[in-house]
Every structure is written in C-alpha cells, then in structure tokens.
Amino acid sequence: MQKILLFGDPGIDDSLAIIYGLLHPNIDIVGIVTSYGNVSQEQTEQNAAYLLSLAGREDIPLISGAKYPLSGESVTFYPEIHGPEGLGPIRPPDNIVPNIVNFDEVFTIIERYENELIIVDVGRSSSLAIAFILGGDIMNKVKAFYLMGGAFLVPGNVTAKAEANFHGDPIATNLVVERGRNVTIIPLNVTNEAIATPEVINYISRMSDNPFAPLIEPIFDYYFEAYKKNVPGIQGAPLHDVVTLSAIVNPTMLEYTSRRVTIELFGKTKGESIADFRPTPDLEPFPTLDRIGMQLNYQLFMQDFVNIMTRSNV
C-alpha cells in the first residue's frame, strides 16, 4: 500500500482526487496539507475536513499550509471554476470541525514512513517549498515526489505559457524541482486528456454505494459547465489531480521522459515550465533530472477511475 502525504487546495478536482485516494485499496493517505489556491487556505481546510468526515476518517491529520505564495503577491482565486467555497454548489456544513495539527507534523510523518512515503502536490507548491526550507535533509527521506503542474509542448491554462499551479507560485515550484529527489511531474499535456464525460459521472453516481456518491455529480456538473465556457466543444472535464494519484498505483498508465525542469519566475512567461526537448539535449547530472509524464493511456485511466469511484468501502 502506497503511503501518501497529499498537498492540495480543494477545489473540485483536488476533492475528486482525495475521494479517489480514500476509496483506493492500495492508497493510504497519511496526512493532508491544505493551502491557498482554488480558494482560500481556510476554505480548503474546511473542504478537506468535510470529505474526511464523510469517510469517517477524521483520524487523518489536516495540516495548515501556506496562505500566500512565497513572493508575497496577492492571490487570485477561481470561483467561476470551483465555486465560491470550492465544491461547486456544495457548501460544507458549519458544524465540521477540522482536526488541525501544526506544520511540524509534515516532518513527523516523513520520519515515521522514512523511504516509503510519497509526497503528492496537486496545488501551488508554496507549502512544499516551505517544507524544504524548514526541513533540510529530512526531505531526503521521502521516497518520491509527484507534482501536478506545468505544460510541456502545449499551451498553458492561465496564460499562453503557464499552468495554474506553477504560475501561482513559480518561486516555490522551482525550489521544489531543484531540491527534490525522484520528482515526477504530471503536466497538462497528460491531464488535459483525462476527460471524464457526464455519462461516466452519471454512471458512477448511479452505481456508487459510498459516502461520496451524493457529492460527485453536482460538483462535476459545476466543473464541466466552467470548462464548456473556457474550452468550447469540450465533451467533459479533465481530472488533473486524479491522474497524479492514479499514476502512482498504475505505473504503466503513463509514458515518461526525463529532463531537467526549471520554472520561469517573472514577466509575461511567469510559471512556464521549461525543459530541453531537442533530440540530443544537453547532458545533465542524473540527480537533476525530473520525470515528465508525456502520454496517457486513457482507457486504463478511465477504467481504474470508474472502478475505484464505485467502490462501497472507504
């Protein structure tokens, strides 16, 4: 079973990833770090606590993450995509009390699961960068890092060049890819292909007998409506963050290439993910190479997604 410490900003697609992870028999979410991003840090905390309460998994610690990017810039939220509270039309009940622990719990978890813990970051990288700044050599005890973000050889989704997570705090992401060991990046060129259609979601809702069943269709419908406005003609909505978790437990689902990745920090190309894709790229030391997802086996992904989301046991 894969031990996962999840960093995120739930958010509809983050929430679907959390649900997927909680339902998956081969994933053990051992902590969730909530940060600003799709909505405020306080709201992402509340959303994560709501999902854990539905699952009866309040034992999973919620760790308060960053409220702002490392640059100190003001934050842009996306209510038109994720809703004012981050779960589309759903508002978490007011009586949900998050089980919040101090940020030091990140290092406690890393020590507890030394060399078997995988850190997955599906939001802005600010909190993970802070862990590198504060944790020093402790971060070398993490088995691998999976980041959802970037766009290689395809357009961005918040600017012509940049994907939202990397654009939101490029200083943090650049620090993570420079300091991290065994980093896998799951970018838009993969996740844009992971389209769930309304028919698939309707099937999941009808066939599910788990605590999340009433949630899945309304939050997806909200998400899909936003995508139809931004991408005319799209037949569904991409499950960016679910792909990132699914790639860990389905190692043949993606094809990868290894390149050294850097992030543009400023200007009109802020947040652009850069790698050398020439046929004979410059040689880089092996420890500096990052694994980049380049192609998705869509059928394998969707079959796995449906199977897991229709499970009855959490």
C-alpha atoms as a PDB file:
ATOM      1  CA  MET A   1       0.000   0.000   0.000  1.00  0.00           C
ATOM      2  CA  GLN A   2       1.347   3.406  -1.007  1.00  0.00           C
ATOM      3  CA  LYS A   3       1.763   5.885   1.864  1.00  0.00           C
ATOM      4  CA  ILE A   4       0.730   9.299   0.554  1.00  0.00           C
ATOM      5  CA  LEU A   5       1.122  12.731   2.142  1.00  0.00           C
ATOM      6  CA  LEU A   6      -1.120  14.915  -0.010  1.00  0.00           C
ATOM      7  CA  PHE A   7      -0.595  18.642  -0.521  1.00  0.00           C
ATOM      8  CA  GLY A   8      -3.519  20.392  -2.204  1.00  0.00           C
ATOM      9  CA  ASP A   9      -6.064  23.190  -2.431  1.00  0.00           C
ATOM     10  CA  PRO A  10      -9.500  21.521  -2.680  1.00  0.00           C
ATOM     11  CA  GLY A  11     -11.087  22.653  -5.150  1.00  0.00           C
ATOM     12  CA  ILE A  12     -13.244  20.328  -7.223  1.00  0.00           C
ATOM     13  CA  ASP A  13     -10.508  18.348  -8.967  1.00  0.00           C
ATOM     14  CA  ASP A  14      -8.469  18.161  -5.737  1.00  0.00           C
ATOM     15  CA  SER A  15     -11.567  16.894  -3.923  1.00  0.00           C
ATOM     16  CA  LEU A  16     -12.148  14.206  -6.536  1.00  0.00           C
ATOM     17  CA  ALA A  17      -8.503  13.168  -6.050  1.00  0.00           C
ATOM     18  CA  ILE A  18      -8.981  12.990  -2.270  1.00  0.00           C
ATOM     19  CA  ILE A  19     -12.124  10.887  -2.745  1.00  0.00           C
ATOM     20  CA  TYR A  20     -10.248   8.608  -5.168  1.00  0.00           C
ATOM     21  CA  GLY A  21      -7.390   8.240  -2.697  1.00  0.00           C
ATOM     22  CA  LEU A  22      -9.665   7.487   0.247  1.00  0.00           C
ATOM     23  CA  LEU A  23     -11.508   4.819  -1.741  1.00  0.00           C
ATOM     24  CA  HIS A  24      -8.451   3.177  -3.299  1.00  0.00           C
ATOM     25  CA  PRO A  25      -7.430  -0.074  -1.564  1.00  0.00           C
ATOM     26  CA  ASN A  26      -3.757   0.475  -2.433  1.00  0.00           C
ATOM     27  CA  ILE A  27      -3.505   4.093  -1.250  1.00  0.00           C
ATOM     28  CA  ASP A  28      -3.105   5.111   2.375  1.00  0.00           C
ATOM     29  CA  ILE A  29      -3.457   8.876   2.787  1.00  0.00           C
ATOM     30  CA  VAL A  30      -1.490   9.574   5.970  1.00  0.00           C
ATOM     31  CA  GLY A  31      -1.979  13.343   6.021  1.00  0.00           C
ATOM     32  CA  ILE A  32      -3.354  16.264   4.019  1.00  0.00           C
ATOM     33  CA  VAL A  33      -1.688  19.692   3.833  1.00  0.00           C
ATOM     34  CA  THR A  34      -4.198  22.353   2.805  1.00  0.00           C
ATOM     35  CA  SER A  35      -3.088  25.582   1.148  1.00  0.00           C
ATOM     36  CA  TYR A  36      -4.497  28.550  -0.748  1.00  0.00           C
ATOM     37  CA  GLY A  37      -5.130  28.122  -4.468  1.00  0.00           C
ATOM     38  CA  ASN A  38      -8.548  27.388  -5.908  1.00  0.00           C
ATOM     39  CA  VAL A  39      -9.999  29.054  -2.792  1.00  0.00           C
ATOM     40  CA  SER A  40      -8.522  30.426   0.425  1.00  0.00           C
ATOM     41  CA  GLN A  41      -6.454  28.254   2.758  1.00  0.00           C
ATOM     42  CA  GLU A  42      -9.167  28.396   5.411  1.00  0.00           C
ATOM     43  CA  GLN A  43     -11.763  27.139   2.924  1.00  0.00           C
ATOM     44  CA  THR A  44      -9.551  24.342   1.582  1.00  0.00           C
ATOM     45  CA  GLU A  45      -9.102  23.215   5.181  1.00  0.00           C
ATOM     46  CA  GLN A  46     -12.857  23.132   5.669  1.00  0.00           C
ATOM     47  CA  ASN A  47     -13.411  21.257   2.405  1.00  0.00           C
ATOM     48  CA  ALA A  48     -10.826  18.607   3.248  1.00  0.00           C
ATOM     49  CA  ALA A  49     -12.315  18.198   6.729  1.00  0.00           C
ATOM     50  CA  TYR A  50     -15.766  17.704   5.172  1.00  0.00           C
ATOM     51  CA  LEU A  51     -14.512  14.928   2.879  1.00  0.00           C
ATOM     52  CA  LEU A  52     -12.739  13.198   5.760  1.00  0.00           C
ATOM     53  CA  SER A  53     -15.878  13.415   7.897  1.00  0.00           C
ATOM     54  CA  LEU A  54     -17.957  11.792   5.129  1.00  0.00           C
ATOM     55  CA  ALA A  55     -15.432   8.965   5.018  1.00  0.00           C
ATOM     56  CA  GLY A  56     -15.258   8.611   8.799  1.00  0.00           C
ATOM     57  CA  ARG A  57     -11.521   9.287   8.522  1.00  0.00           C
ATOM     58  CA  GLU A  58     -11.127  12.176  10.937  1.00  0.00           C
ATOM     59  CA  ASP A  59      -8.030  10.318  12.186  1.00  0.00           C
ATOM     60  CA  ILE A  60      -6.131  11.603   9.133  1.00  0.00           C
ATOM     61  CA  PRO A  61      -4.335  14.786  10.238  1.00  0.00           C
ATOM     62  CA  LEU A  62      -5.059  18.041   8.440  1.00  0.00           C
ATOM     63  CA  ILE A  63      -2.005  20.275   8.353  1.00  0.00           C
ATOM     64  CA  SER A  64      -2.352  24.024   7.859  1.00  0.00           C
ATOM     65  CA  GLY A  65      -0.326  25.107   4.842  1.00  0.00           C
ATOM     66  CA  ALA A  66       0.512  28.365   3.118  1.00  0.00           C
ATOM     67  CA  LYS A  67      -1.954  31.208   2.803  1.00  0.00           C
ATOM     68  CA  TYR A  68       0.093  33.129   0.195  1.00  0.00           C
ATOM     69  CA  PRO A  69       2.843  32.470  -2.364  1.00  0.00           C
ATOM     70  CA  LEU A  70       6.498  32.886  -1.398  1.00  0.00           C
ATOM     71  CA  SER A  71       6.635  36.098  -3.445  1.00  0.00           C
ATOM     72  CA  GLY A  72       4.023  37.680  -1.168  1.00  0.00           C
ATOM     73  CA  GLU A  73       1.850  38.536  -4.162  1.00  0.00           C
ATOM     74  CA  SER A  74      -1.904  38.755  -3.807  1.00  0.00           C
ATOM     75  CA  VAL A  75      -3.782  35.557  -4.631  1.00  0.00           C
ATOM     76  CA  THR A  76      -6.235  35.042  -7.487  1.00  0.00           C
ATOM     77  CA  PHE A  77      -8.999  32.539  -6.733  1.00  0.00           C
ATOM     78  CA  TYR A  78     -11.211  30.803  -9.313  1.00  0.00           C
ATOM     79  CA  PRO A  79     -14.843  30.743  -8.084  1.00  0.00           C
ATOM     80  CA  GLU A  80     -16.068  30.559 -11.671  1.00  0.00           C
ATOM     81  CA  ILE A  81     -14.417  27.128 -11.943  1.00  0.00           C
ATOM     82  CA  HIS A  82     -14.623  25.739  -8.406  1.00  0.00           C
ATOM     83  CA  GLY A  83     -17.469  27.699  -6.831  1.00  0.00           C
ATOM     84  CA  PRO A  84     -17.307  30.260  -4.019  1.00  0.00           C
ATOM     85  CA  GLU A  85     -16.491  27.567  -1.434  1.00  0.00           C
ATOM     86  CA  GLY A  86     -14.511  25.326  -3.773  1.00  0.00           C
ATOM     87  CA  LEU A  87     -17.032  22.497  -4.111  1.00  0.00           C
ATOM     88  CA  GLY A  88     -19.243  23.944  -6.824  1.00  0.00           C
ATOM     89  CA  PRO A  89     -22.803  24.208  -5.474  1.00  0.00           C
ATOM     90  CA  ILE A  90     -21.954  22.298  -2.283  1.00  0.00           C
ATOM     91  CA  ARG A  91     -21.246  24.113   0.955  1.00  0.00           C
ATOM     92  CA  PRO A  92     -19.650  22.095   3.778  1.00  0.00           C
ATOM     93  CA  PRO A  93     -21.786  22.029   6.937  1.00  0.00           C
ATOM     94  CA  ASP A  94     -20.914  24.687   9.508  1.00  0.00           C
ATOM     95  CA  ASN A  95     -20.554  22.082  12.251  1.00  0.00           C
ATOM     96  CA  ILE A  96     -17.493  20.452  10.635  1.00  0.00           C
ATOM     97  CA  VAL A  97     -14.516  20.965  12.950  1.00  0.00           C
ATOM     98  CA  PRO A  98     -11.190  20.223  11.208  1.00  0.00           C
ATOM     99  CA  ASN A  99      -8.607  18.142  13.076  1.00  0.00           C
ATOM    100  CA  ILE A 100      -5.829  20.682  12.529  1.00  0.00           C
ATOM    101  CA  VAL A 101      -2.235  19.994  13.510  1.00  0.00           C
ATOM    102  CA  ASN A 102       0.924  22.090  13.330  1.00  0.00           C
ATOM    103  CA  PHE A 103       3.051  22.165  10.163  1.00  0.00           C
ATOM    104  CA  ASP A 104       5.771  20.239  12.022  1.00  0.00           C
ATOM    105  CA  GLU A 105       3.561  17.176  11.531  1.00  0.00           C
ATOM    106  CA  VAL A 106       4.883  17.061   7.956  1.00  0.00           C
ATOM    107  CA  PHE A 107       8.328  16.126   9.287  1.00  0.00           C
ATOM    108  CA  THR A 108       6.886  13.704  11.842  1.00  0.00           C
ATOM    109  CA  ILE A 109       5.103  11.862   9.027  1.00  0.00           C
ATOM    110  CA  ILE A 110       8.245  11.803   6.869  1.00  0.00           C
ATOM    111  CA  GLU A 111      10.260  10.336   9.751  1.00  0.00           C
ATOM    112  CA  ARG A 112       7.531   7.789  10.530  1.00  0.00           C
ATOM    113  CA  TYR A 113       7.412   6.488   6.957  1.00  0.00           C
ATOM    114  CA  GLU A 114      11.067   7.015   6.064  1.00  0.00           C
ATOM    115  CA  ASN A 115      11.924   5.965   2.496  1.00  0.00           C
ATOM    116  CA  GLU A 116       8.387   4.693   1.809  1.00  0.00           C
ATOM    117  CA  LEU A 117       6.429   7.964   1.870  1.00  0.00           C
ATOM    118  CA  ILE A 118       5.371   9.582  -1.414  1.00  0.00           C
ATOM    119  CA  ILE A 119       4.527  13.284  -1.313  1.00  0.00           C
ATOM    120  CA  VAL A 120       1.896  14.291  -3.863  1.00  0.00           C
ATOM    121  CA  ASP A 121       1.344  18.002  -4.523  1.00  0.00           C
ATOM    122  CA  VAL A 122      -1.688  18.854  -6.638  1.00  0.00           C
ATOM    123  CA  GLY A 123      -1.811  22.551  -5.741  1.00  0.00           C
ATOM    124  CA  ARG A 124       0.504  25.541  -5.558  1.00  0.00           C
ATOM    125  CA  SER A 125       3.939  24.458  -4.357  1.00  0.00           C
ATOM    126  CA  SER A 126       4.229  27.056  -1.581  1.00  0.00           C
ATOM    127  CA  SER A 127       3.701  24.665   1.345  1.00  0.00           C
ATOM    128  CA  LEU A 128       6.001  22.022  -0.098  1.00  0.00           C
ATOM    129  CA  ALA A 129       8.705  24.616  -0.690  1.00  0.00           C
ATOM    130  CA  ILE A 130       8.374  25.708   2.943  1.00  0.00           C
ATOM    131  CA  ALA A 131       8.891  22.076   3.964  1.00  0.00           C
ATOM    132  CA  PHE A 132      12.161  22.052   2.009  1.00  0.00           C
ATOM    133  CA  ILE A 133      13.228  25.344   3.582  1.00  0.00           C
ATOM    134  CA  LEU A 134      12.452  24.221   7.138  1.00  0.00           C
ATOM    135  CA  GLY A 135      13.138  20.509   6.840  1.00  0.00           C
ATOM    136  CA  GLY A 136      16.580  20.395   5.285  1.00  0.00           C
ATOM    137  CA  ASP A 137      17.935  16.856   4.983  1.00  0.00           C
ATOM    138  CA  ILE A 138      14.689  15.350   6.356  1.00  0.00           C
ATOM    139  CA  MET A 139      13.216  15.810   2.885  1.00  0.00           C
ATOM    140  CA  ASN A 140      15.757  13.305   1.533  1.00  0.00           C
ATOM    141  CA  LYS A 141      13.868  10.632   3.464  1.00  0.00           C
ATOM    142  CA  VAL A 142      10.886  10.996   1.113  1.00  0.00           C
ATOM    143  CA  LYS A 143      10.739   8.152  -1.418  1.00  0.00           C
ATOM    144  CA  ALA A 144       9.368  10.267  -4.296  1.00  0.00           C
ATOM    145  CA  PHE A 145       7.538  13.473  -5.158  1.00  0.00           C
ATOM    146  CA  TYR A 146       4.652  13.741  -7.620  1.00  0.00           C
ATOM    147  CA  LEU A 147       3.636  17.234  -8.780  1.00  0.00           C
ATOM    148  CA  MET A 148       0.568  18.073 -10.836  1.00  0.00           C
ATOM    149  CA  GLY A 149       1.518  21.093 -12.878  1.00  0.00           C
ATOM    150  CA  GLY A 150       3.287  22.572 -15.830  1.00  0.00           C
ATOM    151  CA  ALA A 151       2.677  22.374 -19.555  1.00  0.00           C
ATOM    152  CA  PHE A 152       5.275  20.959 -21.942  1.00  0.00           C
ATOM    153  CA  LEU A 153       4.855  21.452 -25.696  1.00  0.00           C
ATOM    154  CA  VAL A 154       1.218  22.524 -25.151  1.00  0.00           C
ATOM    155  CA  PRO A 155      -0.404  25.851 -24.153  1.00  0.00           C
ATOM    156  CA  GLY A 156      -0.945  26.812 -20.535  1.00  0.00           C
ATOM    157  CA  ASN A 157      -4.354  27.219 -18.926  1.00  0.00           C
ATOM    158  CA  VAL A 158      -3.983  30.570 -17.128  1.00  0.00           C
ATOM    159  CA  THR A 159      -1.624  32.207 -19.617  1.00  0.00           C
ATOM    160  CA  ALA A 160      -0.403  31.246 -23.061  1.00  0.00           C
ATOM    161  CA  LYS A 161       2.620  29.569 -21.471  1.00  0.00           C
ATOM    162  CA  ALA A 162       1.761  28.668 -17.874  1.00  0.00           C
ATOM    163  CA  GLU A 163      -0.365  26.147 -15.991  1.00  0.00           C
ATOM    164  CA  ALA A 164      -2.176  27.403 -12.875  1.00  0.00           C
ATOM    165  CA  ASN A 165      -0.241  25.583 -10.135  1.00  0.00           C
ATOM    166  CA  PHE A 166       3.200  26.527 -11.442  1.00  0.00           C
ATOM    167  CA  HIS A 167       2.053  30.048 -12.299  1.00  0.00           C
ATOM    168  CA  GLY A 168       0.587  30.560  -8.823  1.00  0.00           C
ATOM    169  CA  ASP A 169       3.987  30.316  -7.115  1.00  0.00           C
ATOM    170  CA  PRO A 170       6.801  29.727  -9.609  1.00  0.00           C
ATOM    171  CA  ILE A 171       9.461  30.532  -6.999  1.00  0.00           C
ATOM    172  CA  ALA A 172       8.182  27.679  -4.845  1.00  0.00           C
ATOM    173  CA  THR A 173       7.855  25.206  -7.709  1.00  0.00           C
ATOM    174  CA  ASN A 174      11.341  25.998  -8.961  1.00  0.00           C
ATOM    175  CA  LEU A 175      12.715  25.377  -5.476  1.00  0.00           C
ATOM    176  CA  VAL A 176      10.912  22.023  -5.260  1.00  0.00           C
ATOM    177  CA  VAL A 177      12.124  20.720  -8.623  1.00  0.00           C
ATOM    178  CA  GLU A 178      15.678  21.850  -7.831  1.00  0.00           C
ATOM    179  CA  ARG A 179      15.795  20.384  -4.332  1.00  0.00           C
ATOM    180  CA  GLY A 180      13.522  17.374  -4.676  1.00  0.00           C
ATOM    181  CA  ARG A 181      14.822  13.843  -5.230  1.00  0.00           C
ATOM    182  CA  ASN A 182      12.873  11.499  -7.544  1.00  0.00           C
ATOM    183  CA  VAL A 183      10.439  14.138  -8.810  1.00  0.00           C
ATOM    184  CA  THR A 184       7.682  13.166 -11.249  1.00  0.00           C
ATOM    185  CA  ILE A 185       5.736  15.954 -12.971  1.00  0.00           C
ATOM    186  CA  ILE A 186       2.236  15.271 -14.295  1.00  0.00           C
ATOM    187  CA  PRO A 187       1.566  18.205 -16.667  1.00  0.00           C
ATOM    188  CA  LEU A 188      -1.323  19.485 -18.751  1.00  0.00           C
ATOM    189  CA  ASN A 189      -0.165  17.584 -21.832  1.00  0.00           C
ATOM    190  CA  VAL A 190      -1.193  14.450 -19.905  1.00  0.00           C
ATOM    191  CA  THR A 191      -4.014  15.643 -17.671  1.00  0.00           C
ATOM    192  CA  ASN A 192      -5.880  17.527 -20.405  1.00  0.00           C
ATOM    193  CA  GLU A 193      -6.500  14.129 -21.987  1.00  0.00           C
ATOM    194  CA  ALA A 194      -8.062  12.671 -18.817  1.00  0.00           C
ATOM    195  CA  ILE A 195     -11.584  13.737 -19.736  1.00  0.00           C
ATOM    196  CA  ALA A 196     -14.493  12.437 -17.696  1.00  0.00           C
ATOM    197  CA  THR A 197     -17.775  12.777 -19.555  1.00  0.00           C
ATOM    198  CA  PRO A 198     -21.163  13.452 -17.954  1.00  0.00           C
ATOM    199  CA  GLU A 199     -22.181   9.920 -18.919  1.00  0.00           C
ATOM    200  CA  VAL A 200     -19.284   8.436 -16.934  1.00  0.00           C
ATOM    201  CA  ILE A 201     -20.043  10.584 -13.913  1.00  0.00           C
ATOM    202  CA  ASN A 202     -23.741   9.719 -14.107  1.00  0.00           C
ATOM    203  CA  TYR A 203     -22.830   6.023 -14.177  1.00  0.00           C
ATOM    204  CA  ILE A 204     -20.562   6.440 -11.149  1.00  0.00           C
ATOM    205  CA  SER A 205     -23.292   8.271  -9.244  1.00  0.00           C
ATOM    206  CA  ARG A 206     -25.841   5.560 -10.000  1.00  0.00           C
ATOM    207  CA  MET A 207     -23.539   2.666  -9.203  1.00  0.00           C
ATOM    208  CA  SER A 208     -21.813   4.099  -6.135  1.00  0.00           C
ATOM    209  CA  ASP A 209     -22.723   2.997  -2.648  1.00  0.00           C
ATOM    210  CA  ASN A 210     -20.197   5.041  -0.702  1.00  0.00           C
ATOM    211  CA  PRO A 211     -20.463   8.234   1.389  1.00  0.00           C
ATOM    212  CA  PHE A 212     -19.310  10.435  -1.505  1.00  0.00           C
ATOM    213  CA  ALA A 213     -21.976   9.357  -4.009  1.00  0.00           C
ATOM    214  CA  PRO A 214     -24.313  12.356  -3.475  1.00  0.00           C
ATOM    215  CA  LEU A 215     -21.399  14.751  -3.957  1.00  0.00           C
ATOM    216  CA  ILE A 216     -19.795  13.574  -7.167  1.00  0.00           C
ATOM    217  CA  GLU A 217     -22.362  14.530  -9.806  1.00  0.00           C
ATOM    218  CA  PRO A 218     -23.202  18.071  -8.589  1.00  0.00           C
ATOM    219  CA  ILE A 219     -19.577  19.124  -8.166  1.00  0.00           C
ATOM    220  CA  PHE A 220     -18.623  17.633 -11.529  1.00  0.00           C
ATOM    221  CA  ASP A 221     -21.551  19.327 -13.299  1.00  0.00           C
ATOM    222  CA  TYR A 222     -20.420  22.706 -11.954  1.00  0.00           C
ATOM    223  CA  TYR A 223     -16.859  21.991 -13.082  1.00  0.00           C
ATOM    224  CA  PHE A 224     -17.997  20.850 -16.530  1.00  0.00           C
ATOM    225  CA  GLU A 225     -20.071  23.990 -17.076  1.00  0.00           C
ATOM    226  CA  ALA A 226     -16.991  26.109 -16.373  1.00  0.00           C
ATOM    227  CA  TYR A 227     -14.923  24.090 -18.828  1.00  0.00           C
ATOM    228  CA  LYS A 228     -17.545  24.406 -21.546  1.00  0.00           C
ATOM    229  CA  LYS A 229     -17.207  28.195 -21.324  1.00  0.00           C
ATOM    230  CA  ASN A 230     -13.407  28.117 -21.397  1.00  0.00           C
ATOM    231  CA  VAL A 231     -12.954  25.317 -23.947  1.00  0.00           C
ATOM    232  CA  PRO A 232     -15.832  25.403 -26.448  1.00  0.00           C
ATOM    233  CA  GLY A 233     -16.781  21.973 -27.711  1.00  0.00           C
ATOM    234  CA  ILE A 234     -15.151  20.022 -24.895  1.00  0.00           C
ATOM    235  CA  GLN A 235     -17.035  16.793 -24.172  1.00  0.00           C
ATOM    236  CA  GLY A 236     -16.263  16.565 -20.456  1.00  0.00           C
ATOM    237  CA  ALA A 237     -13.897  17.907 -17.814  1.00  0.00           C
ATOM    238  CA  PRO A 238     -10.292  16.858 -17.184  1.00  0.00           C
ATOM    239  CA  LEU A 239      -9.417  15.148 -13.898  1.00  0.00           C
ATOM    240  CA  HIS A 240      -5.961  16.705 -13.497  1.00  0.00           C
ATOM    241  CA  ASP A 241      -5.349  15.751  -9.881  1.00  0.00           C
ATOM    242  CA  VAL A 242      -6.851  12.269 -10.031  1.00  0.00           C
ATOM    243  CA  VAL A 243      -4.340  11.393 -12.768  1.00  0.00           C
ATOM    244  CA  THR A 244      -1.493  12.292 -10.430  1.00  0.00           C
ATOM    245  CA  LEU A 245      -2.620   9.826  -7.757  1.00  0.00           C
ATOM    246  CA  SER A 246      -3.627   7.198 -10.286  1.00  0.00           C
ATOM    247  CA  ALA A 247      -0.171   7.291 -11.876  1.00  0.00           C
ATOM    248  CA  ILE A 248       1.384   6.083  -8.618  1.00  0.00           C
ATOM    249  CA  VAL A 249      -0.715   2.927  -8.357  1.00  0.00           C
ATOM    250  CA  ASN A 250      -0.861   2.341 -12.129  1.00  0.00           C
ATOM    251  CA  PRO A 251       2.790   2.581 -13.183  1.00  0.00           C
ATOM    252  CA  THR A 252       2.138   1.628 -16.825  1.00  0.00           C
ATOM    253  CA  MET A 253      -0.596   4.227 -17.305  1.00  0.00           C
ATOM    254  CA  LEU A 254       1.757   7.000 -18.446  1.00  0.00           C
ATOM    255  CA  GLU A 255       4.765   7.218 -20.720  1.00  0.00           C
ATOM    256  CA  TYR A 256       7.565   9.409 -19.353  1.00  0.00           C
ATOM    257  CA  THR A 257      10.696  11.194 -20.395  1.00  0.00           C
ATOM    258  CA  SER A 258      13.480  12.508 -18.146  1.00  0.00           C
ATOM    259  CA  ARG A 259      14.650  16.105 -18.447  1.00  0.00           C
ATOM    260  CA  ARG A 260      15.855  18.816 -16.126  1.00  0.00           C
ATOM    261  CA  VAL A 261      12.928  21.147 -15.466  1.00  0.00           C
ATOM    262  CA  THR A 262      13.106  24.812 -14.493  1.00  0.00           C
ATOM    263  CA  ILE A 263      10.315  27.324 -13.998  1.00  0.00           C
ATOM    264  CA  GLU A 264      10.241  30.852 -15.377  1.00  0.00           C
ATOM    265  CA  LEU A 265       9.951  33.177 -12.390  1.00  0.00           C
ATOM    266  CA  PHE A 266       8.904  36.583 -13.745  1.00  0.00           C
ATOM    267  CA  GLY A 267       7.391  38.519 -16.602  1.00  0.00           C
ATOM    268  CA  LYS A 268       4.915  37.502 -19.268  1.00  0.00           C
ATOM    269  CA  THR A 269       6.141  33.901 -19.223  1.00  0.00           C
ATOM    270  CA  LYS A 270       5.933  33.588 -15.416  1.00  0.00           C
ATOM    271  CA  GLY A 271       5.201  29.983 -14.457  1.00  0.00           C
ATOM    272  CA  GLU A 272       6.274  28.481 -17.767  1.00  0.00           C
ATOM    273  CA  SER A 273       7.780  25.016 -17.319  1.00  0.00           C
ATOM    274  CA  ILE A 274      10.967  24.672 -19.334  1.00  0.00           C
ATOM    275  CA  ALA A 275      12.808  21.540 -20.438  1.00  0.00           C
ATOM    276  CA  ASP A 276      15.132  20.675 -23.307  1.00  0.00           C
ATOM    277  CA  PHE A 277      13.192  18.549 -25.811  1.00  0.00           C
ATOM    278  CA  ARG A 278      15.772  18.569 -28.586  1.00  0.00           C
ATOM    279  CA  PRO A 279      16.613  15.107 -29.975  1.00  0.00           C
ATOM    280  CA  THR A 280      20.014  15.367 -28.283  1.00  0.00           C
ATOM    281  CA  PRO A 281      19.515  17.574 -25.221  1.00  0.00           C
ATOM    282  CA  ASP A 282      22.404  18.906 -23.189  1.00  0.00           C
ATOM    283  CA  LEU A 283      23.682  16.340 -20.724  1.00  0.00           C
ATOM    284  CA  GLU A 284      22.615  16.988 -17.144  1.00  0.00           C
ATOM    285  CA  PRO A 285      23.697  15.195 -13.958  1.00  0.00           C
ATOM    286  CA  PHE A 286      21.286  12.336 -13.256  1.00  0.00           C
ATOM    287  CA  PRO A 287      20.148  13.691  -9.835  1.00  0.00           C
ATOM    288  CA  THR A 288      18.931  16.891 -11.536  1.00  0.00           C
ATOM    289  CA  LEU A 289      16.631  15.064 -13.965  1.00  0.00           C
ATOM    290  CA  ASP A 290      12.878  15.089 -13.407  1.00  0.00           C
ATOM    291  CA  ARG A 291      10.476  12.521 -14.834  1.00  0.00           C
ATOM    292  CA  ILE A 292       7.819  14.178 -17.010  1.00  0.00           C
ATOM    293  CA  GLY A 293       4.556  12.498 -17.984  1.00  0.00           C
ATOM    294  CA  MET A 294       4.167  12.751 -21.760  1.00  0.00           C
ATOM    295  CA  GLN A 295       1.381  10.393 -22.808  1.00  0.00           C
ATOM    296  CA  LEU A 296      -1.664   8.920 -21.073  1.00  0.00           C
ATOM    297  CA  ASN A 297      -3.280   5.527 -21.577  1.00  0.00           C
ATOM    298  CA  TYR A 298      -6.789   6.938 -21.400  1.00  0.00           C
ATOM    299  CA  GLN A 299      -8.630   3.616 -21.354  1.00  0.00           C
ATOM    300  CA  LEU A 300      -6.576   2.327 -18.440  1.00  0.00           C
ATOM    301  CA  PHE A 301      -7.041   5.575 -16.531  1.00  0.00           C
ATOM    302  CA  MET A 302     -10.796   5.747 -17.007  1.00  0.00           C
ATOM    303  CA  GLN A 303     -11.349   2.074 -16.217  1.00  0.00           C
ATOM    304  CA  ASP A 304      -9.417   2.483 -12.982  1.00  0.00           C
ATOM    305  CA  PHE A 305     -11.243   5.709 -12.101  1.00  0.00           C
ATOM    306  CA  VAL A 306     -14.683   4.145 -12.545  1.00  0.00           C
ATOM    307  CA  ASN A 307     -13.700   1.004 -10.636  1.00  0.00           C
ATOM    308  CA  ILE A 308     -12.412   2.946  -7.667  1.00  0.00           C
ATOM    309  CA  MET A 309     -15.151   5.581  -7.523  1.00  0.00           C
ATOM    310  CA  THR A 310     -17.856   2.891  -7.459  1.00  0.00           C
ATOM    311  CA  ARG A 311     -16.316   1.046  -4.509  1.00  0.00           C
ATOM    312  CA  SER A 312     -18.542   0.792  -1.456  1.00  0.00           C
ATOM    313  CA  ASN A 313     -15.802   0.647   1.186  1.00  0.00           C
ATOM    314  CA  VAL A 314     -13.672   3.574   2.348  1.00  0.00           C
END
